PDB file of all heavy atoms in Angstrom:
ATOM      1  N   ALA A   1     -29.515  -0.965 -50.852  1.00  0.00           N
ATOM      2  CA  ALA A   1     -30.149  -2.285 -50.895  1.00  0.00           C
ATOM      3  C   ALA A   1     -31.564  -2.231 -50.328  1.00  0.00           C
ATOM      4  O   ALA A   1     -32.499  -2.822 -50.884  1.00  0.00           O
ATOM      5  CB  ALA A   1     -29.302  -3.292 -50.133  1.00  0.00           C
ATOM      6  N   ALA A   2     -31.737  -1.527 -49.216  1.00  0.00           N
ATOM      7  CA  ALA A   2     -33.063  -1.416 -48.613  1.00  0.00           C
ATOM      8  C   ALA A   2     -34.028  -0.702 -49.554  1.00  0.00           C
ATOM      9  O   ALA A   2     -35.204  -1.083 -49.668  1.00  0.00           O
ATOM     10  CB  ALA A   2     -32.968  -0.686 -47.282  1.00  0.00           C
ATOM     11  N   LYS A   3     -33.558   0.322 -50.221  1.00  0.00           N
ATOM     12  CA  LYS A   3     -34.406   1.070 -51.151  1.00  0.00           C
ATOM     13  C   LYS A   3     -34.911   0.179 -52.270  1.00  0.00           C
ATOM     14  O   LYS A   3     -36.045   0.351 -52.764  1.00  0.00           O
ATOM     15  CB  LYS A   3     -33.625   2.256 -51.722  1.00  0.00           C
ATOM     16  CG  LYS A   3     -34.437   3.145 -52.641  1.00  0.00           C
ATOM     17  CD  LYS A   3     -33.608   4.333 -53.125  1.00  0.00           C
ATOM     18  CE  LYS A   3     -34.426   5.224 -54.056  1.00  0.00           C
ATOM     19  NZ  LYS A   3     -33.623   6.377 -54.553  1.00  0.00           N
ATOM     20  N   ASP A   4     -34.120  -0.802 -52.673  1.00  0.00           N
ATOM     21  CA  ASP A   4     -34.522  -1.717 -53.738  1.00  0.00           C
ATOM     22  C   ASP A   4     -35.377  -2.879 -53.243  1.00  0.00           C
ATOM     23  O   ASP A   4     -35.757  -3.750 -54.037  1.00  0.00           O
ATOM     24  CB  ASP A   4     -33.286  -2.266 -54.449  1.00  0.00           C
ATOM     25  CG  ASP A   4     -32.692  -1.267 -55.438  1.00  0.00           C
ATOM     26  OD1 ASP A   4     -33.435  -0.390 -55.914  1.00  0.00           O
ATOM     27  OD2 ASP A   4     -31.481  -1.372 -55.725  1.00  0.00           O
ATOM     28  N   GLY A   5     -35.658  -2.924 -51.945  1.00  0.00           N
ATOM     29  CA  GLY A   5     -36.553  -3.940 -51.426  1.00  0.00           C
ATOM     30  C   GLY A   5     -35.911  -5.082 -50.682  1.00  0.00           C
ATOM     31  O   GLY A   5     -36.612  -5.973 -50.177  1.00  0.00           O
ATOM     32  N   PHE A   6     -34.583  -5.098 -50.588  1.00  0.00           N
ATOM     33  CA  PHE A   6     -33.930  -6.153 -49.810  1.00  0.00           C
ATOM     34  C   PHE A   6     -34.214  -5.969 -48.328  1.00  0.00           C
ATOM     35  O   PHE A   6     -34.242  -4.842 -47.815  1.00  0.00           O
ATOM     36  CB  PHE A   6     -32.417  -6.133 -50.039  1.00  0.00           C
ATOM     37  CG  PHE A   6     -31.982  -6.716 -51.353  1.00  0.00           C
ATOM     38  CD1 PHE A   6     -31.621  -5.897 -52.419  1.00  0.00           C
ATOM     39  CD2 PHE A   6     -31.931  -8.091 -51.529  1.00  0.00           C
ATOM     40  CE1 PHE A   6     -31.219  -6.431 -53.633  1.00  0.00           C
ATOM     41  CE2 PHE A   6     -31.517  -8.638 -52.742  1.00  0.00           C
ATOM     42  CZ  PHE A   6     -31.167  -7.804 -53.798  1.00  0.00           C
ATOM     43  N   LYS A   7     -34.379  -7.080 -47.635  1.00  0.00           N
ATOM     44  CA  LYS A   7     -34.583  -7.072 -46.188  1.00  0.00           C
ATOM     45  C   LYS A   7     -33.379  -7.610 -45.427  1.00  0.00           C
ATOM     46  O   LYS A   7     -33.372  -7.618 -44.186  1.00  0.00           O
ATOM     47  CB  LYS A   7     -35.811  -7.919 -45.819  1.00  0.00           C
ATOM     48  CG  LYS A   7     -37.100  -7.454 -46.484  1.00  0.00           C
ATOM     49  CD  LYS A   7     -37.459  -6.036 -46.093  1.00  0.00           C
ATOM     50  CE  LYS A   7     -38.780  -5.603 -46.720  1.00  0.00           C
ATOM     51  NZ  LYS A   7     -39.101  -4.176 -46.425  1.00  0.00           N
ATOM     52  N   ALA A   8     -32.370  -8.059 -46.172  1.00  0.00           N
ATOM     53  CA  ALA A   8     -31.175  -8.626 -45.542  1.00  0.00           C
ATOM     54  C   ALA A   8     -29.964  -8.367 -46.430  1.00  0.00           C
ATOM     55  O   ALA A   8     -30.093  -8.156 -47.644  1.00  0.00           O
ATOM     56  CB  ALA A   8     -31.339 -10.125 -45.306  1.00  0.00           C
ATOM     57  N   VAL A   9     -28.788  -8.398 -45.798  1.00  0.00           N
ATOM     58  CA  VAL A   9     -27.535  -8.226 -46.533  1.00  0.00           C
ATOM     59  C   VAL A   9     -26.507  -9.236 -46.041  1.00  0.00           C
ATOM     60  O   VAL A   9     -26.606  -9.769 -44.932  1.00  0.00           O
ATOM     61  CB  VAL A   9     -26.962  -6.799 -46.375  1.00  0.00           C
ATOM     62  CG1 VAL A   9     -27.910  -5.775 -46.980  1.00  0.00           C
ATOM     63  CG2 VAL A   9     -26.669  -6.466 -44.922  1.00  0.00           C
ATOM     64  N   GLU A  10     -25.535  -9.481 -46.888  1.00  0.00           N
ATOM     65  CA  GLU A  10     -24.350 -10.248 -46.534  1.00  0.00           C
ATOM     66  C   GLU A  10     -23.168  -9.550 -47.188  1.00  0.00           C
ATOM     67  O   GLU A  10     -23.329  -8.654 -48.015  1.00  0.00           O
ATOM     68  CB  GLU A  10     -24.464 -11.699 -47.018  1.00  0.00           C
ATOM     69  CG  GLU A  10     -24.556 -11.823 -48.544  1.00  0.00           C
ATOM     70  CD  GLU A  10     -24.583 -13.265 -49.029  1.00  0.00           C
ATOM     71  OE1 GLU A  10     -25.241 -14.107 -48.385  1.00  0.00           O
ATOM     72  OE2 GLU A  10     -23.935 -13.543 -50.055  1.00  0.00           O
ATOM     73  N   TYR A  11     -21.963  -9.939 -46.804  1.00  0.00           N
ATOM     74  CA  TYR A  11     -20.745  -9.432 -47.425  1.00  0.00           C
ATOM     75  C   TYR A  11     -19.606 -10.311 -46.969  1.00  0.00           C
ATOM     76  O   TYR A  11     -19.774 -11.165 -46.085  1.00  0.00           O
ATOM     77  CB  TYR A  11     -20.486  -7.961 -47.086  1.00  0.00           C
ATOM     78  CG  TYR A  11     -20.820  -7.550 -45.671  1.00  0.00           C
ATOM     79  CD1 TYR A  11     -20.028  -7.929 -44.603  1.00  0.00           C
ATOM     80  CD2 TYR A  11     -21.947  -6.766 -45.409  1.00  0.00           C
ATOM     81  CE1 TYR A  11     -20.335  -7.546 -43.304  1.00  0.00           C
ATOM     82  CE2 TYR A  11     -22.266  -6.381 -44.116  1.00  0.00           C
ATOM     83  CZ  TYR A  11     -21.456  -6.773 -43.073  1.00  0.00           C
ATOM     84  OH  TYR A  11     -21.767  -6.403 -41.781  1.00  0.00           O
ATOM     85  N   LEU A  12     -18.442 -10.109 -47.579  1.00  0.00           N
ATOM     86  CA  LEU A  12     -17.313 -10.959 -47.210  1.00  0.00           C
ATOM     87  C   LEU A  12     -16.852 -10.700 -45.780  1.00  0.00           C
ATOM     88  O   LEU A  12     -16.857 -11.603 -44.946  1.00  0.00           O
ATOM     89  CB  LEU A  12     -16.152 -10.756 -48.188  1.00  0.00           C
ATOM     90  CG  LEU A  12     -16.330 -11.316 -49.596  1.00  0.00           C
ATOM     91  CD1 LEU A  12     -15.056 -11.104 -50.414  1.00  0.00           C
ATOM     92  CD2 LEU A  12     -16.711 -12.786 -49.571  1.00  0.00           C
ATOM     93  N   PHE A  13     -16.447  -9.451 -45.499  1.00  0.00           N
ATOM     94  CA  PHE A  13     -15.803  -9.186 -44.210  1.00  0.00           C
ATOM     95  C   PHE A  13     -16.291  -7.860 -43.618  1.00  0.00           C
ATOM     96  O   PHE A  13     -16.392  -6.871 -44.337  1.00  0.00           O
ATOM     97  CB  PHE A  13     -14.280  -9.121 -44.378  1.00  0.00           C
ATOM     98  CG  PHE A  13     -13.712 -10.286 -45.138  1.00  0.00           C
ATOM     99  CD1 PHE A  13     -13.177 -10.124 -46.411  1.00  0.00           C
ATOM    100  CD2 PHE A  13     -13.724 -11.551 -44.586  1.00  0.00           C
ATOM    101  CE1 PHE A  13     -12.660 -11.188 -47.122  1.00  0.00           C
ATOM    102  CE2 PHE A  13     -13.215 -12.633 -45.279  1.00  0.00           C
ATOM    103  CZ  PHE A  13     -12.680 -12.464 -46.549  1.00  0.00           C
ATOM    104  N   PRO A  14     -16.527  -7.814 -42.317  1.00  0.00           N
ATOM    105  CA  PRO A  14     -16.936  -6.568 -41.662  1.00  0.00           C
ATOM    106  C   PRO A  14     -15.805  -5.829 -40.975  1.00  0.00           C
ATOM    107  O   PRO A  14     -16.016  -4.746 -40.426  1.00  0.00           O
ATOM    108  CB  PRO A  14     -17.918  -7.080 -40.603  1.00  0.00           C
ATOM    109  CG  PRO A  14     -17.325  -8.394 -40.176  1.00  0.00           C
ATOM    110  CD  PRO A  14     -16.695  -8.979 -41.429  1.00  0.00           C
ATOM    111  N   TYR A  15     -14.589  -6.344 -40.999  1.00  0.00           N
ATOM    112  CA  TYR A  15     -13.583  -5.963 -40.012  1.00  0.00           C
ATOM    113  C   TYR A  15     -12.925  -4.608 -40.251  1.00  0.00           C
ATOM    114  O   TYR A  15     -12.195  -4.117 -39.391  1.00  0.00           O
ATOM    115  CB  TYR A  15     -12.521  -7.072 -39.908  1.00  0.00           C
ATOM    116  CG  TYR A  15     -13.168  -8.434 -39.742  1.00  0.00           C
ATOM    117  CD1 TYR A  15     -13.140  -9.378 -40.772  1.00  0.00           C
ATOM    118  CD2 TYR A  15     -13.880  -8.743 -38.580  1.00  0.00           C
ATOM    119  CE1 TYR A  15     -13.766 -10.607 -40.636  1.00  0.00           C
ATOM    120  CE2 TYR A  15     -14.516  -9.966 -38.446  1.00  0.00           C
ATOM    121  CZ  TYR A  15     -14.462 -10.895 -39.477  1.00  0.00           C
ATOM    122  OH  TYR A  15     -15.101 -12.095 -39.334  1.00  0.00           O
ATOM    123  N   ASP A  16     -13.208  -3.991 -41.395  1.00  0.00           N
ATOM    124  CA  ASP A  16     -12.687  -2.646 -41.638  1.00  0.00           C
ATOM    125  C   ASP A  16     -13.504  -1.572 -40.923  1.00  0.00           C
ATOM    126  O   ASP A  16     -13.105  -0.400 -40.927  1.00  0.00           O
ATOM    127  CB  ASP A  16     -12.663  -2.337 -43.140  1.00  0.00           C
ATOM    128  CG  ASP A  16     -11.559  -3.082 -43.881  1.00  0.00           C
ATOM    129  OD1 ASP A  16     -10.608  -3.535 -43.218  1.00  0.00           O
ATOM    130  OD2 ASP A  16     -11.666  -3.200 -45.117  1.00  0.00           O
ATOM    131  N   PHE A  17     -14.617  -1.959 -40.327  1.00  0.00           N
ATOM    132  CA  PHE A  17     -15.518  -0.998 -39.687  1.00  0.00           C
ATOM    133  C   PHE A  17     -15.863  -1.472 -38.281  1.00  0.00           C
ATOM    134  O   PHE A  17     -15.952  -2.674 -38.028  1.00  0.00           O
ATOM    135  CB  PHE A  17     -16.811  -0.852 -40.503  1.00  0.00           C
ATOM    136  CG  PHE A  17     -16.585  -0.435 -41.921  1.00  0.00           C
ATOM    137  CD1 PHE A  17     -16.475  -1.388 -42.928  1.00  0.00           C
ATOM    138  CD2 PHE A  17     -16.462   0.904 -42.256  1.00  0.00           C
ATOM    139  CE1 PHE A  17     -16.258  -1.016 -44.247  1.00  0.00           C
ATOM    140  CE2 PHE A  17     -16.251   1.287 -43.570  1.00  0.00           C
ATOM    141  CZ  PHE A  17     -16.139   0.330 -44.558  1.00  0.00           C
ATOM    142  N   PRO A  18     -16.087  -0.552 -37.357  1.00  0.00           N
ATOM    143  CA  PRO A  18     -16.548  -0.958 -36.027  1.00  0.00           C
ATOM    144  C   PRO A  18     -17.906  -1.650 -36.135  1.00  0.00           C
ATOM    145  O   PRO A  18     -18.770  -1.245 -36.925  1.00  0.00           O
ATOM    146  CB  PRO A  18     -16.665   0.370 -35.267  1.00  0.00           C
ATOM    147  CG  PRO A  18     -15.827   1.340 -36.036  1.00  0.00           C
ATOM    148  CD  PRO A  18     -15.899   0.912 -37.465  1.00  0.00           C
ATOM    149  N   ALA A  19     -18.097  -2.674 -35.336  1.00  0.00           N
ATOM    150  CA  ALA A  19     -19.358  -3.415 -35.379  1.00  0.00           C
ATOM    151  C   ALA A  19     -20.542  -2.501 -35.099  1.00  0.00           C
ATOM    152  O   ALA A  19     -21.612  -2.643 -35.707  1.00  0.00           O
ATOM    153  CB  ALA A  19     -19.315  -4.566 -34.377  1.00  0.00           C
ATOM    154  N   ALA A  20     -20.379  -1.552 -34.189  1.00  0.00           N
ATOM    155  CA  ALA A  20     -21.482  -0.659 -33.835  1.00  0.00           C
ATOM    156  C   ALA A  20     -21.906   0.190 -35.028  1.00  0.00           C
ATOM    157  O   ALA A  20     -23.103   0.478 -35.200  1.00  0.00           O
ATOM    158  CB  ALA A  20     -21.088   0.232 -32.662  1.00  0.00           C
ATOM    159  N   GLU A  21     -20.951   0.589 -35.861  1.00  0.00           N
ATOM    160  CA  GLU A  21     -21.285   1.395 -37.030  1.00  0.00           C
ATOM    161  C   GLU A  21     -22.085   0.581 -38.040  1.00  0.00           C
ATOM    162  O   GLU A  21     -23.065   1.065 -38.631  1.00  0.00           O
ATOM    163  CB  GLU A  21     -20.017   1.946 -37.672  1.00  0.00           C
ATOM    164  CG  GLU A  21     -20.274   2.917 -38.814  1.00  0.00           C
ATOM    165  CD  GLU A  21     -19.025   3.639 -39.259  1.00  0.00           C
ATOM    166  OE1 GLU A  21     -17.917   3.235 -38.849  1.00  0.00           O
ATOM    167  OE2 GLU A  21     -19.161   4.616 -40.008  1.00  0.00           O
ATOM    168  N   LEU A  22     -21.694  -0.665 -38.245  1.00  0.00           N
ATOM    169  CA  LEU A  22     -22.437  -1.536 -39.143  1.00  0.00           C
ATOM    170  C   LEU A  22     -23.835  -1.818 -38.598  1.00  0.00           C
ATOM    171  O   LEU A  22     -24.814  -1.841 -39.361  1.00  0.00           O
ATOM    172  CB  LEU A  22     -21.674  -2.840 -39.345  1.00  0.00           C
ATOM    173  CG  LEU A  22     -20.302  -2.717 -40.007  1.00  0.00           C
ATOM    174  CD1 LEU A  22     -19.579  -4.053 -39.979  1.00  0.00           C
ATOM    175  CD2 LEU A  22     -20.430  -2.209 -41.435  1.00  0.00           C
ATOM    176  N   LYS A  23     -23.944  -2.025 -37.306  1.00  0.00           N
ATOM    177  CA  LYS A  23     -25.241  -2.259 -36.691  1.00  0.00           C
ATOM    178  C   LYS A  23     -26.164  -1.061 -36.885  1.00  0.00           C
ATOM    179  O   LYS A  23     -27.372  -1.218 -37.142  1.00  0.00           O
ATOM    180  CB  LYS A  23     -25.048  -2.556 -35.202  1.00  0.00           C
ATOM    181  CG  LYS A  23     -26.342  -2.742 -34.406  1.00  0.00           C
ATOM    182  CD  LYS A  23     -27.136  -3.937 -34.880  1.00  0.00           C
ATOM    183  CE  LYS A  23     -28.302  -4.213 -33.919  1.00  0.00           C
ATOM    184  NZ  LYS A  23     -29.238  -5.233 -34.484  1.00  0.00           N
ATOM    185  N   THR A  24     -25.624   0.129 -36.785  1.00  0.00           N
ATOM    186  CA  THR A  24     -26.429   1.328 -37.016  1.00  0.00           C
ATOM    187  C   THR A  24     -26.980   1.334 -38.435  1.00  0.00           C
ATOM    188  O   THR A  24     -28.161   1.655 -38.655  1.00  0.00           O
ATOM    189  CB  THR A  24     -25.587   2.588 -36.764  1.00  0.00           C
ATOM    190  OG1 THR A  24     -25.220   2.632 -35.380  1.00  0.00           O
ATOM    191  CG2 THR A  24     -26.371   3.846 -37.115  1.00  0.00           C
ATOM    192  N   ARG A  25     -26.157   0.986 -39.409  1.00  0.00           N
ATOM    193  CA  ARG A  25     -26.615   0.951 -40.801  1.00  0.00           C
ATOM    194  C   ARG A  25     -27.701  -0.099 -40.996  1.00  0.00           C
ATOM    195  O   ARG A  25     -28.666   0.117 -41.744  1.00  0.00           O
ATOM    196  CB  ARG A  25     -25.444   0.671 -41.746  1.00  0.00           C
ATOM    197  CG  ARG A  25     -24.326   1.689 -41.666  1.00  0.00           C
ATOM    198  CD  ARG A  25     -24.722   3.042 -42.226  1.00  0.00           C
ATOM    199  NE  ARG A  25     -23.710   4.055 -41.983  1.00  0.00           N
ATOM    200  CZ  ARG A  25     -23.409   5.031 -42.826  1.00  0.00           C
ATOM    201  NH1 ARG A  25     -24.050   5.138 -43.972  1.00  0.00           N
ATOM    202  NH2 ARG A  25     -22.485   5.921 -42.510  1.00  0.00           N
ATOM    203  N   LEU A  26     -27.554  -1.241 -40.359  1.00  0.00           N
ATOM    204  CA  LEU A  26     -28.595  -2.267 -40.430  1.00  0.00           C
ATOM    205  C   LEU A  26     -29.908  -1.752 -39.845  1.00  0.00           C
ATOM    206  O   LEU A  26     -30.974  -1.859 -40.465  1.00  0.00           O
ATOM    207  CB  LEU A  26     -28.150  -3.521 -39.674  1.00  0.00           C
ATOM    208  CG  LEU A  26     -26.989  -4.322 -40.262  1.00  0.00           C
ATOM    209  CD1 LEU A  26     -26.509  -5.363 -39.252  1.00  0.00           C
ATOM    210  CD2 LEU A  26     -27.387  -5.008 -41.566  1.00  0.00           C
ATOM    211  N   ASP A  27     -29.835  -1.189 -38.666  1.00  0.00           N
ATOM    212  CA  ASP A  27     -31.045  -0.749 -37.978  1.00  0.00           C
ATOM    213  C   ASP A  27     -31.724   0.413 -38.699  1.00  0.00           C
ATOM    214  O   ASP A  27     -32.964   0.455 -38.800  1.00  0.00           O
ATOM    215  CB  ASP A  27     -30.719  -0.347 -36.533  1.00  0.00           C
ATOM    216  CG  ASP A  27     -30.321  -1.533 -35.671  1.00  0.00           C
ATOM    217  OD1 ASP A  27     -30.547  -2.684 -36.108  1.00  0.00           O
ATOM    218  OD2 ASP A  27     -29.770  -1.308 -34.578  1.00  0.00           O
ATOM    219  N   GLU A  28     -30.942   1.353 -39.184  1.00  0.00           N
ATOM    220  CA  GLU A  28     -31.513   2.506 -39.882  1.00  0.00           C
ATOM    221  C   GLU A  28     -32.291   2.098 -41.128  1.00  0.00           C
ATOM    222  O   GLU A  28     -33.241   2.798 -41.534  1.00  0.00           O
ATOM    223  CB  GLU A  28     -30.404   3.480 -40.283  1.00  0.00           C
ATOM    224  CG  GLU A  28     -29.806   4.274 -39.137  1.00  0.00           C
ATOM    225  CD  GLU A  28     -28.676   5.182 -39.574  1.00  0.00           C
ATOM    226  OE1 GLU A  28     -28.171   5.008 -40.715  1.00  0.00           O
ATOM    227  OE2 GLU A  28     -28.290   6.060 -38.790  1.00  0.00           O
ATOM    228  N   ASN A  29     -31.922   0.973 -41.707  1.00  0.00           N
ATOM    229  CA  ASN A  29     -32.524   0.549 -42.965  1.00  0.00           C
ATOM    230  C   ASN A  29     -33.385  -0.706 -42.838  1.00  0.00           C
ATOM    231  O   ASN A  29     -33.824  -1.260 -43.849  1.00  0.00           O
ATOM    232  CB  ASN A  29     -31.420   0.324 -44.002  1.00  0.00           C
ATOM    233  CG  ASN A  29     -30.704   1.608 -44.358  1.00  0.00           C
ATOM    234  OD1 ASN A  29     -31.263   2.474 -45.020  1.00  0.00           O
ATOM    235  ND2 ASN A  29     -29.466   1.762 -43.872  1.00  0.00           N
ATOM    236  N   GLY A  30     -33.639  -1.137 -41.602  1.00  0.00           N
ATOM    237  CA  GLY A  30     -34.502  -2.290 -41.377  1.00  0.00           C
ATOM    238  C   GLY A  30     -33.972  -3.571 -41.971  1.00  0.00           C
ATOM    239  O   GLY A  30     -34.735  -4.405 -42.484  1.00  0.00           O
ATOM    240  N   LEU A  31     -32.661  -3.764 -41.904  1.00  0.00           N
ATOM    241  CA  LEU A  31     -32.015  -4.905 -42.526  1.00  0.00           C
ATOM    242  C   LEU A  31     -31.534  -5.929 -41.503  1.00  0.00           C
ATOM    243  O   LEU A  31     -31.136  -5.581 -40.395  1.00  0.00           O
ATOM    244  CB  LEU A  31     -30.807  -4.435 -43.344  1.00  0.00           C
ATOM    245  CG  LEU A  31     -31.110  -3.584 -44.581  1.00  0.00           C
ATOM    246  CD1 LEU A  31     -29.835  -2.940 -45.102  1.00  0.00           C
ATOM    247  CD2 LEU A  31     -31.770  -4.423 -45.668  1.00  0.00           C
ATOM    248  N   THR A  32     -31.535  -7.181 -41.923  1.00  0.00           N
ATOM    249  CA  THR A  32     -30.960  -8.288 -41.160  1.00  0.00           C
ATOM    250  C   THR A  32     -29.602  -8.640 -41.738  1.00  0.00           C
ATOM    251  O   THR A  32     -29.422  -8.671 -42.961  1.00  0.00           O
ATOM    252  CB  THR A  32     -31.877  -9.521 -41.235  1.00  0.00           C
ATOM    253  OG1 THR A  32     -33.127  -9.225 -40.609  1.00  0.00           O
ATOM    254  CG2 THR A  32     -31.243 -10.729 -40.543  1.00  0.00           C
ATOM    255  N   GLN A  33     -28.646  -8.896 -40.862  1.00  0.00           N
ATOM    256  CA  GLN A  33     -27.338  -9.388 -41.302  1.00  0.00           C
ATOM    257  C   GLN A  33     -27.443 -10.897 -41.475  1.00  0.00           C
ATOM    258  O   GLN A  33     -27.637 -11.633 -40.510  1.00  0.00           O
ATOM    259  CB  GLN A  33     -26.266  -9.049 -40.274  1.00  0.00           C
ATOM    260  CG  GLN A  33     -24.864  -9.472 -40.673  1.00  0.00           C
ATOM    261  CD  GLN A  33     -24.306  -8.628 -41.807  1.00  0.00           C
ATOM    262  OE1 GLN A  33     -24.365  -7.414 -41.772  1.00  0.00           O
ATOM    263  NE2 GLN A  33     -23.774  -9.287 -42.823  1.00  0.00           N
ATOM    264  N   ALA A  34     -27.319 -11.375 -42.714  1.00  0.00           N
ATOM    265  CA  ALA A  34     -27.533 -12.785 -43.010  1.00  0.00           C
ATOM    266  C   ALA A  34     -26.267 -13.625 -42.880  1.00  0.00           C
ATOM    267  O   ALA A  34     -26.331 -14.795 -42.496  1.00  0.00           O
ATOM    268  CB  ALA A  34     -28.100 -12.943 -44.423  1.00  0.00           C
ATOM    269  N   LEU A  35     -25.117 -13.040 -43.219  1.00  0.00           N
ATOM    270  CA  LEU A  35     -23.883 -13.837 -43.298  1.00  0.00           C
ATOM    271  C   LEU A  35     -22.694 -12.920 -43.444  1.00  0.00           C
ATOM    272  O   LEU A  35     -22.793 -11.855 -44.060  1.00  0.00           O
ATOM    273  CB  LEU A  35     -23.948 -14.763 -44.527  1.00  0.00           C
ATOM    274  CG  LEU A  35     -22.701 -15.594 -44.859  1.00  0.00           C
ATOM    275  CD1 LEU A  35     -22.712 -16.899 -44.073  1.00  0.00           C
ATOM    276  CD2 LEU A  35     -22.618 -15.895 -46.360  1.00  0.00           C
ATOM    277  N   PHE A  36     -21.569 -13.301 -42.855  1.00  0.00           N
ATOM    278  CA  PHE A  36     -20.263 -12.766 -43.242  1.00  0.00           C
ATOM    279  C   PHE A  36     -19.226 -13.840 -42.982  1.00  0.00           C
ATOM    280  O   PHE A  36     -19.535 -14.910 -42.456  1.00  0.00           O
ATOM    281  CB  PHE A  36     -19.939 -11.438 -42.535  1.00  0.00           C
ATOM    282  CG  PHE A  36     -19.838 -11.504 -41.033  1.00  0.00           C
ATOM    283  CD1 PHE A  36     -18.683 -11.944 -40.408  1.00  0.00           C
ATOM    284  CD2 PHE A  36     -20.910 -11.105 -40.242  1.00  0.00           C
ATOM    285  CE1 PHE A  36     -18.581 -11.993 -39.033  1.00  0.00           C
ATOM    286  CE2 PHE A  36     -20.822 -11.148 -38.856  1.00  0.00           C
ATOM    287  CZ  PHE A  36     -19.654 -11.594 -38.247  1.00  0.00           C
ATOM    288  N   ASN A  37     -17.985 -13.565 -43.384  1.00  0.00           N
ATOM    289  CA  ASN A  37     -16.909 -14.556 -43.289  1.00  0.00           C
ATOM    290  C   ASN A  37     -16.033 -14.307 -42.071  1.00  0.00           C
ATOM    291  O   ASN A  37     -15.779 -13.153 -41.698  1.00  0.00           O
ATOM    292  CB  ASN A  37     -16.019 -14.502 -44.528  1.00  0.00           C
ATOM    293  CG  ASN A  37     -16.730 -14.933 -45.794  1.00  0.00           C
ATOM    294  OD1 ASN A  37     -17.898 -15.303 -45.773  1.00  0.00           O
ATOM    295  ND2 ASN A  37     -16.021 -14.869 -46.907  1.00  0.00           N
ATOM    296  N   ALA A  38     -15.503 -15.372 -41.521  1.00  0.00           N
ATOM    297  CA  ALA A  38     -14.461 -15.262 -40.509  1.00  0.00           C
ATOM    298  C   ALA A  38     -13.198 -14.693 -41.150  1.00  0.00           C
ATOM    299  O   ALA A  38     -13.013 -14.764 -42.373  1.00  0.00           O
ATOM    300  CB  ALA A  38     -14.174 -16.625 -39.891  1.00  0.00           C
ATOM    301  N   PRO A  39     -12.297 -14.116 -40.374  1.00  0.00           N
ATOM    302  CA  PRO A  39     -11.051 -13.593 -40.951  1.00  0.00           C
ATOM    303  C   PRO A  39     -10.332 -14.656 -41.790  1.00  0.00           C
ATOM    304  O   PRO A  39     -10.192 -15.805 -41.360  1.00  0.00           O
ATOM    305  CB  PRO A  39     -10.240 -13.204 -39.713  1.00  0.00           C
ATOM    306  CG  PRO A  39     -11.276 -12.838 -38.691  1.00  0.00           C
ATOM    307  CD  PRO A  39     -12.393 -13.828 -38.923  1.00  0.00           C
ATOM    308  N   PRO A  40      -9.868 -14.284 -42.995  1.00  0.00           N
ATOM    309  CA  PRO A  40      -9.351 -15.267 -43.951  1.00  0.00           C
ATOM    310  C   PRO A  40      -7.844 -15.392 -43.993  1.00  0.00           C
ATOM    311  O   PRO A  40      -7.309 -16.021 -44.913  1.00  0.00           O
ATOM    312  CB  PRO A  40      -9.851 -14.709 -45.278  1.00  0.00           C
ATOM    313  CG  PRO A  40      -9.699 -13.226 -45.087  1.00  0.00           C
ATOM    314  CD  PRO A  40     -10.012 -12.954 -43.620  1.00  0.00           C
ATOM    315  N   GLY A  41      -7.121 -14.787 -43.062  1.00  0.00           N
ATOM    316  CA  GLY A  41      -5.683 -14.687 -43.219  1.00  0.00           C
ATOM    317  C   GLY A  41      -5.342 -13.428 -43.999  1.00  0.00           C
ATOM    318  O   GLY A  41      -6.060 -12.427 -43.936  1.00  0.00           O
TER     319      GLY A  41
END
């Protein structure tokens, strides 16, 4: 996404991955986390 020019990302759920790992991906690519969903059941 960063390579294509996006500066932010969203997705449904982050919970399959440790938050720190996702944060690393954001920081490495200069991205802002715009939105995700609360656990849906």
